[in-house]
């Protein structure tokens, strides 16, 4: 994209390499601190009302808030986060990856102020990394619970369906929050989604056309209207002496009369 290239040339030197690892380490530190000083960890969560009261650091520190409390799940989350983040940074470059996270962060933090007294999770932001990875590497196989292998594109489809159902059953606040959680994905992939949808529509049209042509008879007698489909044992011939070279079955080919002026029309056409 030309806009991303222009931004990269101007601000690329400010990009932070290995941002995925930095965020994971910060979450590990916060996760350990939760068992020592849980009251400090609670002050890191994004609660918009607290931000408005002066605790501005919550807008940033919520990125380091532990995603869950159970050790096995938090380790699995960090493992996947590392895979997704490193792959996206290698695919896009450091600046574009930073920008993707930045857009998601701004949208998530902004949408949080619609419900000032409700803590906002950072899972929506990290979920957008999952969607981006699944879009770029749809055939990557994940082992659910380390046992069941599933291609990541099907997990992403399930994720999209869940978000769609959430929007259908929610109010306008939910609409904005869900949209905010995927705005960075849409900003990066809108052109790709458009062209894929257009190509898919073209392929469907081609399949419909092929089906229609397959069901359409190749030969149809101009007298009895028998076709190669309705009467597959019949043989069909075309009369070159009649205007338009009409088709006849065996029975009506021999007995038909050439239309008047057919020879003259044939001569003129030659």
Protein backbone atom coordinates (compact mmCIF):
# COMPACT_ATOMS: atom_id res chain seq x y z
CA UNK A 1 0.00 0.00 0.00
CA UNK A 2 1.33 3.42 -0.97
CA UNK A 3 0.17 5.04 2.28
CA UNK A 4 1.98 2.46 4.42
CA UNK A 5 5.13 2.86 2.33
CA UNK A 6 5.00 6.64 2.77
CA UNK A 7 4.48 6.34 6.52
CA UNK A 8 7.28 3.80 6.75
CA UNK A 9 9.73 6.13 5.00
CA UNK A 10 8.84 8.97 7.33
CA UNK A 11 8.36 7.24 10.68
CA UNK A 12 10.00 3.85 10.19
CA UNK A 13 13.01 4.81 12.31
CA UNK A 14 10.73 5.07 15.35
CA UNK A 15 9.46 1.49 15.05
CA UNK A 16 10.16 -0.83 17.97
CA UNK A 17 11.66 -4.19 16.95
CA UNK A 18 10.66 -7.38 18.79
CA UNK A 19 7.58 -5.67 20.22
CA UNK A 20 5.92 -9.07 20.68
CA UNK A 21 8.65 -10.24 23.02
CA UNK A 22 8.54 -6.96 24.94
CA UNK A 23 4.80 -7.29 25.55
CA UNK A 24 5.13 -10.94 26.58
CA UNK A 25 7.91 -10.18 29.06
CA UNK A 26 5.88 -7.31 30.53
CA UNK A 27 2.91 -9.63 30.96
CA UNK A 28 5.11 -12.26 32.60
CA UNK A 29 6.36 -9.65 35.06
CA UNK A 30 2.81 -8.51 35.80
CA UNK A 31 1.64 -12.10 36.15
CA UNK A 32 4.32 -12.76 38.79
CA UNK A 33 3.56 -9.47 40.53
CA UNK A 34 -0.08 -10.50 40.79
CA UNK A 35 0.87 -13.12 43.42
CA UNK A 36 3.02 -10.66 45.39
CA UNK A 37 1.23 -7.31 45.15
CA UNK A 38 -2.20 -7.90 43.56
CA UNK A 39 -3.32 -4.37 44.51
CA UNK A 40 -0.64 -2.94 42.21
CA UNK A 41 -1.68 -5.13 39.31
CA UNK A 42 -5.28 -3.96 39.63
CA UNK A 43 -4.08 -0.41 39.07
CA UNK A 44 -2.81 -1.43 35.62
CA UNK A 45 -6.22 -2.41 34.23
CA UNK A 46 -7.95 -0.04 31.82
CA UNK A 47 -10.88 1.50 33.66
CA UNK A 48 -11.82 4.69 31.75
CA UNK A 49 -13.35 6.35 34.82
CA UNK A 50 -10.02 5.98 36.65
CA UNK A 51 -8.23 7.45 33.65
CA UNK A 52 -10.52 10.47 33.74
CA UNK A 53 -9.70 10.84 37.45
CA UNK A 54 -6.00 11.16 36.67
CA UNK A 55 -4.64 7.61 36.44
CA UNK A 56 -3.56 8.15 32.83
CA UNK A 57 -1.04 5.27 32.78
CA UNK A 58 -3.89 2.75 32.62
CA UNK A 59 -4.34 3.56 28.91
CA UNK A 60 -0.89 2.02 28.30
CA UNK A 61 -0.38 -0.38 31.19
CA UNK A 62 -3.44 -2.48 30.34
CA UNK A 63 -1.38 -3.98 27.48
CA UNK A 64 0.74 -5.68 30.14
CA UNK A 65 -2.23 -6.97 32.11
CA UNK A 66 -2.24 -10.81 32.30
CA UNK A 67 -4.78 -12.31 29.86
CA UNK A 68 -5.91 -14.99 32.34
CA UNK A 69 -4.97 -16.47 35.69
CA UNK A 70 -4.60 -20.23 35.06
CA UNK A 71 -0.92 -21.06 34.35
CA UNK A 72 -1.55 -23.57 31.55
CA UNK A 73 -3.80 -21.16 29.63
CA UNK A 74 -1.57 -18.14 30.09
CA UNK A 75 1.44 -20.13 28.85
CA UNK A 76 -0.54 -21.29 25.82
CA UNK A 77 -1.62 -17.70 25.16
CA UNK A 78 1.98 -16.44 25.27
CA UNK A 79 3.10 -19.27 23.00
CA UNK A 80 0.51 -18.39 20.37
CA UNK A 81 1.06 -14.65 20.80
CA UNK A 82 4.76 -15.15 20.12
CA UNK A 83 4.12 -17.24 16.99
CA UNK A 84 1.57 -14.79 15.59
CA UNK A 85 3.56 -11.67 16.40
CA UNK A 86 6.91 -12.90 15.07
CA UNK A 87 5.30 -14.18 11.86
CA UNK A 88 3.45 -10.92 11.23
CA UNK A 89 6.54 -8.80 11.90
CA UNK A 90 8.57 -10.97 9.52
CA UNK A 91 5.86 -10.71 6.86
CA UNK A 92 5.10 -6.99 7.14
CA UNK A 93 8.23 -5.48 8.57
CA UNK A 94 8.70 -3.87 11.97
CA UNK A 95 6.97 -0.57 11.20
CA UNK A 96 3.81 -2.07 9.70
CA UNK A 97 3.53 -4.51 12.58
CA UNK A 98 3.90 -1.67 15.08
CA UNK A 99 1.27 0.32 13.22
CA UNK A 100 -1.15 -2.62 13.26
CA UNK A 101 -0.85 -2.89 17.05
CA UNK A 102 -1.07 0.88 17.41
CA UNK A 103 -4.35 1.06 15.49
CA UNK A 104 -5.80 -1.76 17.55
CA UNK A 105 -4.64 -0.15 20.79
CA UNK A 106 -6.15 3.26 19.93
CA UNK A 107 -9.46 1.70 18.83
CA UNK A 108 -9.71 -0.55 21.90
CA UNK A 109 -8.87 2.23 24.33
CA UNK A 110 -11.23 4.66 22.59
CA UNK A 111 -14.15 2.22 22.61
CA UNK A 112 -13.56 1.56 26.32
CA UNK A 113 -14.75 5.06 27.20
CA UNK A 114 -18.27 4.14 26.06
CA UNK A 115 -18.54 2.18 29.32
CA UNK A 116 -16.36 4.21 31.72
CA UNK A 117 -16.85 2.06 34.81
CA UNK A 118 -16.24 -1.31 33.15
CA UNK A 119 -12.65 -2.67 32.93
CA UNK A 120 -11.54 -3.31 29.35
CA UNK A 121 -9.63 -6.46 28.44
CA UNK A 122 -6.67 -6.48 26.07
CA UNK A 123 -7.83 -9.78 24.55
CA UNK A 124 -9.69 -7.93 21.80
CA UNK A 125 -6.41 -6.37 20.67
CA UNK A 126 -4.52 -9.66 20.69
CA UNK A 127 -7.43 -11.37 18.95
CA UNK A 128 -6.82 -9.08 15.98
CA UNK A 129 -3.32 -10.60 15.70
CA UNK A 130 -4.89 -14.03 15.49
CA UNK A 131 -7.22 -12.87 12.69
CA UNK A 132 -4.35 -11.30 10.75
CA UNK A 133 -2.21 -14.43 11.07
CA UNK A 134 -5.11 -16.66 10.00
CA UNK A 135 -5.71 -14.43 6.96
CA UNK A 136 -2.07 -14.62 5.87
CA UNK A 137 -1.47 -18.26 6.79
CA UNK A 138 -4.91 -19.94 6.49
CA UNK A 139 -3.52 -23.49 6.25
CA UNK A 140 -1.43 -23.28 9.41
CA UNK A 141 -2.41 -26.22 11.62
CA UNK A 142 -3.08 -25.67 15.31
CA UNK A 143 -3.42 -28.46 17.85
CA UNK A 144 -6.41 -27.64 20.03
CA UNK A 145 -5.59 -28.62 23.59
CA UNK A 146 -2.36 -30.03 22.08
CA UNK A 147 -4.35 -32.94 20.60
CA UNK A 148 -6.85 -32.07 17.84
CA UNK A 149 -5.24 -30.63 14.66
CA UNK A 150 -7.33 -27.93 12.98
CA UNK A 151 -6.46 -25.48 10.23
CA UNK A 152 -6.42 -21.98 11.63
CA UNK A 153 -8.76 -20.63 8.93
CA UNK A 154 -11.62 -22.64 10.45
CA UNK A 155 -10.88 -21.27 13.92
CA UNK A 156 -10.85 -17.76 12.45
CA UNK A 157 -14.19 -18.41 10.75
CA UNK A 158 -15.64 -19.54 14.08
CA UNK A 159 -14.25 -16.38 15.67
CA UNK A 160 -15.91 -14.18 13.03
CA UNK A 161 -19.21 -16.00 13.52
CA UNK A 162 -19.03 -15.46 17.29
CA UNK A 163 -18.37 -11.75 16.80
CA UNK A 164 -21.26 -11.52 14.35
CA UNK A 165 -23.63 -13.18 16.82
CA UNK A 166 -22.40 -10.85 19.54
CA UNK A 167 -23.25 -7.84 17.38
CA UNK A 168 -26.67 -9.23 16.49
CA UNK A 169 -27.56 -9.75 20.14
CA UNK A 170 -25.95 -6.58 21.48
CA UNK A 171 -26.70 -2.86 21.56
CA UNK A 172 -24.88 -0.02 19.82
CA UNK A 173 -22.14 -0.05 22.44
CA UNK A 174 -21.37 -3.69 21.63
CA UNK A 175 -21.41 -2.83 17.92
CA UNK A 176 -18.76 -0.16 18.40
CA UNK A 177 -16.62 -2.32 20.68
CA UNK A 178 -16.62 -5.28 18.29
CA UNK A 179 -15.90 -3.01 15.33
CA UNK A 180 -13.08 -1.37 17.24
CA UNK A 181 -11.57 -4.80 17.96
CA UNK A 182 -11.17 -5.51 14.22
CA UNK A 183 -10.64 -2.02 12.82
CA UNK A 184 -6.89 -2.58 12.42
CA UNK A 185 -7.59 -5.85 10.59
CA UNK A 186 -10.02 -4.10 8.24
CA UNK A 187 -7.60 -1.21 7.69
CA UNK A 188 -4.84 -3.59 6.59
CA UNK A 189 -6.87 -6.14 4.64
CA UNK A 190 -9.87 -4.27 3.21
CA UNK A 191 -8.44 -4.28 -0.33
CA UNK A 192 -7.53 -7.96 -0.13
CA UNK A 193 -11.00 -8.83 1.21
CA UNK A 194 -12.64 -6.82 -1.60
CA UNK A 195 -10.67 -8.51 -4.37
CA UNK A 196 -11.12 -11.95 -2.86
CA UNK A 197 -14.86 -11.39 -2.64
CA UNK A 198 -14.92 -10.16 -6.24
CA UNK A 199 -12.90 -13.17 -7.42
CA UNK A 200 -15.20 -15.49 -5.49
CA UNK A 201 -18.24 -13.91 -7.11
CA UNK A 202 -16.65 -14.35 -10.56
CA UNK A 203 -15.90 -18.02 -9.85
CA UNK A 204 -19.49 -18.60 -8.73
CA UNK A 205 -20.78 -16.95 -11.92
CA UNK A 206 -18.51 -19.17 -14.00
CA UNK A 207 -19.75 -22.28 -12.21
CA UNK A 208 -23.37 -21.25 -12.78
CA UNK A 209 -22.64 -20.65 -16.46
CA UNK A 210 -20.97 -24.05 -16.83
CA UNK A 211 -23.92 -25.78 -15.15
CA UNK A 212 -26.34 -23.94 -17.43
CA UNK A 213 -24.34 -24.89 -20.52
CA UNK A 214 -24.13 -28.48 -19.36
CA UNK A 215 -27.92 -28.69 -19.07
CA UNK A 216 -28.50 -26.89 -22.36
CA UNK A 217 -28.99 -29.26 -25.36
CA UNK A 218 -26.39 -29.13 -28.11
CA UNK A 219 -28.86 -30.24 -30.82
CA UNK A 220 -32.60 -29.54 -31.15
CA UNK A 221 -34.77 -30.53 -34.08
CA UNK A 222 -36.48 -27.47 -35.53
CA UNK A 223 -39.61 -29.53 -36.33
CA UNK A 224 -40.35 -31.85 -33.40
CA UNK A 225 -38.12 -30.08 -30.86
CA UNK A 226 -36.41 -33.33 -29.89
CA UNK A 227 -32.96 -32.79 -28.37
CA UNK A 228 -29.85 -34.84 -27.74
CA UNK A 229 -30.86 -34.81 -24.05
CA UNK A 230 -34.49 -35.92 -24.43
CA UNK A 231 -33.65 -38.43 -27.21
CA UNK A 232 -30.00 -39.44 -26.79
CA UNK A 233 -30.31 -42.27 -29.38
CA UNK A 234 -31.28 -39.89 -32.21
CA UNK A 235 -28.81 -38.53 -34.73
CA UNK A 236 -29.07 -34.88 -35.72
CA UNK A 237 -28.00 -33.13 -38.92
CA UNK A 238 -27.91 -29.53 -40.12
CA UNK A 239 -29.22 -28.42 -43.52
CA UNK A 240 -26.80 -26.08 -45.25
CA UNK A 241 -29.32 -25.30 -48.01
CA UNK A 242 -31.80 -23.65 -45.62
CA UNK A 243 -31.25 -20.15 -44.21
CA UNK A 244 -29.71 -20.29 -40.78
CA UNK A 245 -28.62 -23.94 -41.18
CA UNK A 246 -31.45 -25.40 -39.08
CA UNK A 247 -31.10 -28.66 -37.18
CA UNK A 248 -33.20 -31.73 -37.97
CA UNK A 249 -33.50 -35.18 -36.53
CA UNK A 250 -33.13 -38.19 -38.83
CA UNK A 251 -36.87 -38.48 -39.35
CA UNK A 252 -37.44 -34.90 -40.45
CA UNK A 253 -34.20 -34.29 -42.31
CA UNK A 254 -35.11 -36.31 -45.42
CA UNK A 255 -38.68 -35.13 -45.77
CA UNK A 256 -38.29 -31.40 -45.18
CA UNK A 257 -38.50 -28.81 -47.95
CA UNK A 258 -35.86 -26.17 -48.38
CA UNK A 259 -37.23 -22.73 -47.77
CA UNK A 260 -37.79 -20.52 -50.84
CA UNK A 261 -34.82 -18.37 -51.65
CA UNK A 262 -32.52 -20.56 -49.63
CA UNK A 263 -30.22 -21.30 -52.54
CA UNK A 264 -30.14 -17.64 -53.52
CA UNK A 265 -29.41 -16.58 -49.96
CA UNK A 266 -26.71 -19.22 -49.72
CA UNK A 267 -25.14 -18.01 -52.98
CA UNK A 268 -25.21 -14.40 -51.83
CA UNK A 269 -23.64 -15.34 -48.53
CA UNK A 270 -20.81 -17.05 -50.37
